[in-house]
Amino acid sequence: MEIANEIAGILLQIKAIKLSPQKPFTWASGMRSPIYCDNRSILSHPGSRDHVVEALVRQSAAFAPFTAVAGVATAGIPHGILLADRLRLPFVYVRDKPKSHGRQNLIEGELAEGATVLVVEDLISTGGSSLKAVEALREAGATISGVLAIFNYGFPETAHAFQTAECPLATLSNYDALLKKALDMGYISDAEKALLTDWKHDPRGWEERFTSGHSAVK
């Protein structure tokens, strides 16, 4: 929990996470959300970047032993490279689809035969992209020690998907820790925290209620 609170504070301070209960963001999926997380911002802040990499190193010990690190394209690539460099391990990354030219690779880099791989992702929402990468690595003959990410929205269906795939998941921070830290730091009010909590429990229903005007904080 200490790491979760620390990382949540860092993400808020550098504005990698933006909370906007009154004016929701629209995700690439089309879903409207009161939160937007862009962990690529970490890369532009050396001090914060060091803290996050050190946290990844500490958390990765739970997945040991593994012989390589794989990043999920594209946002998981830089964090995976930083972790692999600290651990002095080989690194590969997994595309969301094969290249349309050349060797048409799905996995870039040299994946040793029989490798045991820790997969690194920046953000877990539904978990779809991470589990797609896990499947590709398994098809290539790798054993997956697990997926390690920076932030997790904590949707129940996501946990179920990882369990079904028999793939352990760990994240440095999560939505509940973020809301607590945001309230402690004065980023949000109690009423806004309630609204944000409501979204996590039922994102689609929250969107419908917000659109109809029933969720607005007075």
Protein backbone atom coordinates (compact mmCIF):
# COMPACT_ATOMS: atom_id res chain seq x y z
CA MET A 1 0.00 0.00 0.00
CA GLU A 2 2.94 2.33 0.65
CA ILE A 3 4.13 1.99 -2.95
CA ALA A 4 0.58 2.49 -4.25
CA ASN A 5 0.21 5.77 -2.33
CA GLU A 6 3.68 6.99 -3.32
CA ILE A 7 3.13 6.33 -7.02
CA ALA A 8 -0.39 7.82 -6.93
CA GLY A 9 1.10 11.01 -5.47
CA ILE A 10 3.75 11.16 -8.18
CA LEU A 11 1.22 10.66 -10.97
CA LEU A 12 -0.96 13.45 -9.58
CA GLN A 13 1.96 15.83 -9.05
CA ILE A 14 3.25 15.55 -12.62
CA LYS A 15 -0.32 15.54 -14.00
CA ALA A 16 0.08 12.12 -15.56
CA ILE A 17 -3.39 11.51 -14.16
CA LYS A 18 -6.10 14.08 -14.71
CA LEU A 19 -9.38 13.98 -12.81
CA SER A 20 -12.33 15.84 -14.29
CA PRO A 21 -15.62 14.64 -12.79
CA GLN A 22 -17.52 17.61 -14.22
CA LYS A 23 -16.17 17.37 -17.79
CA PRO A 24 -15.46 13.71 -18.57
CA PHE A 25 -12.83 12.60 -21.06
CA THR A 26 -13.62 10.38 -24.04
CA TRP A 27 -11.37 7.32 -24.29
CA ALA A 28 -10.27 5.80 -27.60
CA SER A 29 -12.92 3.13 -27.03
CA GLY A 30 -15.57 5.86 -27.01
CA MET A 31 -16.33 5.44 -23.32
CA ARG A 32 -16.66 8.65 -21.32
CA SER A 33 -14.64 8.76 -18.13
CA PRO A 34 -13.89 11.27 -15.33
CA ILE A 35 -10.26 10.15 -15.30
CA TYR A 36 -7.49 10.15 -17.90
CA CYS A 37 -4.14 8.47 -17.28
CA ASP A 38 -1.08 9.11 -19.47
CA ASN A 39 1.94 7.45 -17.91
CA ARG A 40 4.12 8.53 -20.83
CA SER A 41 4.38 11.84 -18.95
CA ILE A 42 6.62 10.08 -16.42
CA LEU A 43 9.37 9.91 -19.02
CA SER A 44 9.67 13.71 -19.10
CA HIS A 45 10.33 14.02 -15.34
CA PRO A 46 13.70 12.46 -14.41
CA GLY A 47 13.09 12.43 -10.65
CA SER A 48 9.65 10.86 -10.96
CA ARG A 49 10.97 8.49 -13.61
CA ASP A 50 13.65 7.25 -11.20
CA HIS A 51 11.06 6.65 -8.46
CA VAL A 52 8.82 4.68 -10.83
CA VAL A 53 11.69 2.56 -12.17
CA GLU A 54 12.89 1.80 -8.64
CA ALA A 55 9.34 0.77 -7.73
CA LEU A 56 9.17 -1.48 -10.80
CA VAL A 57 12.44 -3.09 -9.77
CA ARG A 58 11.12 -3.76 -6.26
CA GLN A 59 7.80 -5.13 -7.47
CA SER A 60 9.40 -7.27 -10.16
CA ALA A 61 11.07 -9.36 -7.45
CA ALA A 62 7.69 -10.98 -6.79
CA PHE A 63 7.81 -12.51 -10.29
CA ALA A 64 11.37 -13.86 -10.08
CA PRO A 65 12.98 -15.76 -11.56
CA PHE A 66 12.49 -14.53 -15.12
CA THR A 67 15.03 -14.27 -17.92
CA ALA A 68 13.67 -11.44 -20.09
CA VAL A 69 11.40 -8.40 -20.02
CA ALA A 70 8.80 -7.64 -22.69
CA GLY A 71 7.09 -4.30 -23.22
CA VAL A 72 3.60 -3.98 -24.67
CA ALA A 73 3.52 -1.56 -27.62
CA THR A 74 3.55 1.25 -27.46
CA ALA A 75 3.26 2.80 -24.00
CA GLY A 76 4.75 -0.19 -22.17
CA ILE A 77 7.94 -0.14 -24.24
CA PRO A 78 9.91 2.67 -22.51
CA HIS A 79 9.07 1.49 -19.00
CA GLY A 80 9.96 -2.07 -19.95
CA ILE A 81 13.29 -0.94 -21.40
CA LEU A 82 14.11 1.01 -18.24
CA LEU A 83 13.32 -2.01 -16.05
CA ALA A 84 15.28 -4.42 -18.26
CA ASP A 85 18.25 -2.06 -18.21
CA ARG A 86 18.24 -1.86 -14.39
CA LEU A 87 17.97 -5.66 -14.15
CA ARG A 88 20.53 -6.21 -16.94
CA LEU A 89 18.14 -8.52 -18.77
CA PRO A 90 17.24 -8.93 -22.46
CA PHE A 91 14.31 -6.88 -23.73
CA VAL A 92 11.74 -7.45 -26.46
CA TYR A 93 8.49 -5.74 -27.29
CA VAL A 94 5.20 -7.03 -28.63
CA ARG A 95 3.28 -5.22 -31.36
CA ASP A 96 -0.50 -5.07 -31.39
CA LYS A 97 -0.36 -6.59 -34.89
CA PRO A 98 2.44 -7.90 -37.15
CA LYS A 99 4.41 -5.46 -39.29
CA SER A 100 2.97 -5.10 -42.77
CA HIS A 101 6.41 -5.38 -44.39
CA GLY A 102 9.79 -7.05 -43.97
CA ARG A 103 9.69 -10.08 -41.68
CA GLN A 104 6.18 -9.18 -40.46
CA ASN A 105 7.30 -9.57 -36.86
CA LEU A 106 4.84 -9.47 -33.99
CA ILE A 107 7.61 -9.73 -31.39
CA GLU A 108 10.56 -7.38 -31.93
CA GLY A 109 13.95 -8.26 -30.54
CA GLU A 110 15.61 -11.58 -29.84
CA LEU A 111 13.49 -13.87 -27.68
CA ALA A 112 15.62 -16.76 -26.43
CA GLU A 113 14.21 -20.25 -26.71
CA GLY A 114 12.50 -21.27 -23.47
CA ALA A 115 12.60 -17.73 -22.05
CA THR A 116 10.64 -16.86 -18.93
CA VAL A 117 9.24 -13.38 -19.52
CA LEU A 118 7.93 -10.58 -17.33
CA VAL A 119 5.53 -8.43 -19.36
CA VAL A 120 5.50 -4.68 -18.63
CA GLU A 121 2.54 -2.42 -19.38
CA ASP A 122 1.95 1.21 -18.45
CA LEU A 123 -1.77 1.01 -17.73
CA ILE A 124 -4.35 -1.72 -17.16
CA SER A 125 -7.96 -0.93 -18.05
CA THR A 126 -9.66 -3.99 -19.57
CA GLY A 127 -6.32 -5.81 -19.84
CA GLY A 128 -6.98 -6.71 -23.47
CA SER A 129 -3.72 -5.44 -24.96
CA SER A 130 -1.61 -6.99 -22.20
CA LEU A 131 -3.24 -10.40 -22.50
CA LYS A 132 -2.92 -10.27 -26.28
CA ALA A 133 0.82 -9.76 -25.80
CA VAL A 134 0.93 -12.61 -23.28
CA GLU A 135 -0.76 -14.89 -25.83
CA ALA A 136 1.73 -13.92 -28.55
CA LEU A 137 4.70 -14.61 -26.28
CA ARG A 138 3.28 -17.97 -25.22
CA GLU A 139 2.74 -18.92 -28.86
CA ALA A 140 6.40 -18.05 -29.44
CA GLY A 141 7.39 -20.58 -26.77
CA ALA A 142 7.90 -18.29 -23.78
CA THR A 143 6.74 -18.90 -20.24
CA ILE A 144 5.04 -15.86 -18.71
CA SER A 145 5.91 -15.05 -15.11
CA GLY A 146 3.26 -12.31 -15.04
CA VAL A 147 2.31 -8.78 -16.04
CA LEU A 148 3.61 -5.75 -14.14
CA ALA A 149 2.04 -2.33 -14.79
CA ILE A 150 2.17 1.16 -13.31
CA PHE A 151 -1.55 1.76 -12.82
CA ASN A 152 -4.73 -0.34 -12.72
CA TYR A 153 -8.33 0.90 -12.83
CA GLY A 154 -9.33 -2.21 -10.87
CA PHE A 155 -12.38 -3.32 -12.87
CA PRO A 156 -13.66 -6.73 -11.66
CA GLU A 157 -13.90 -8.05 -15.22
CA THR A 158 -10.21 -7.25 -15.72
CA ALA A 159 -9.18 -9.35 -12.72
CA HIS A 160 -11.37 -12.16 -14.05
CA ALA A 161 -9.72 -11.96 -17.50
CA PHE A 162 -6.23 -12.34 -15.98
CA GLN A 163 -7.39 -15.23 -13.81
CA THR A 164 -8.91 -16.96 -16.82
CA ALA A 165 -5.64 -16.50 -18.72
CA GLU A 166 -3.73 -17.88 -15.69
CA CYS A 167 -1.54 -14.81 -15.75
CA PRO A 168 -0.51 -13.11 -12.48
CA LEU A 169 -0.93 -9.33 -12.43
CA ALA A 170 0.62 -6.67 -10.20
CA THR A 171 0.55 -2.89 -10.45
CA LEU A 172 2.43 -0.14 -8.67
CA SER A 173 -0.73 1.84 -7.96
CA ASN A 174 -4.46 1.59 -8.46
CA TYR A 175 -7.68 3.56 -8.65
CA ASP A 176 -8.62 3.27 -4.95
CA ALA A 177 -5.18 4.48 -3.82
CA LEU A 178 -5.40 7.32 -6.33
CA LEU A 179 -8.75 8.58 -5.03
CA LYS A 180 -7.54 8.50 -1.43
CA LYS A 181 -4.36 10.38 -2.33
CA ALA A 182 -6.24 12.90 -4.47
CA LEU A 183 -8.58 13.65 -1.57
CA ASP A 184 -5.69 13.95 0.90
CA MET A 185 -3.86 16.33 -1.45
CA GLY A 186 -6.94 18.47 -2.05
CA TYR A 187 -7.22 17.60 -5.73
CA ILE A 188 -10.84 16.53 -5.31
CA SER A 189 -13.69 17.10 -2.87
CA ASP A 190 -15.63 14.43 -0.97
CA ALA A 191 -18.51 14.84 -3.44
CA GLU A 192 -16.18 14.40 -6.40
CA LYS A 193 -14.63 11.32 -4.77
CA ALA A 194 -18.11 9.82 -4.47
CA LEU A 195 -18.76 10.51 -8.15
CA LEU A 196 -15.43 9.00 -9.17
CA THR A 197 -16.08 5.93 -7.02
CA ASP A 198 -19.49 5.55 -8.66
CA TRP A 199 -17.82 5.54 -12.09
CA LYS A 200 -15.47 2.70 -11.17
CA HIS A 201 -18.29 0.50 -9.92
CA ASP A 202 -20.39 0.97 -13.07
CA PRO A 203 -18.61 2.89 -15.88
CA ARG A 204 -21.29 2.37 -18.54
CA GLY A 205 -24.14 3.11 -16.16
CA TRP A 206 -22.28 6.18 -14.87
CA GLU A 207 -21.95 7.47 -18.43
CA GLU A 208 -25.69 7.13 -19.01
CA ARG A 209 -26.52 8.85 -15.72
CA PHE A 210 -24.03 11.65 -16.35
CA THR A 211 -25.37 12.24 -19.84
CA SER A 212 -28.90 12.49 -18.47
CA GLY A 213 -27.68 14.98 -15.85
CA HIS A 214 -28.27 12.80 -12.80
CA SER A 215 -24.60 12.57 -11.74
CA ALA A 216 -23.60 16.20 -11.70
CA VAL A 217 -22.05 17.41 -8.46
CA LYS A 218 -23.97 20.44 -7.19
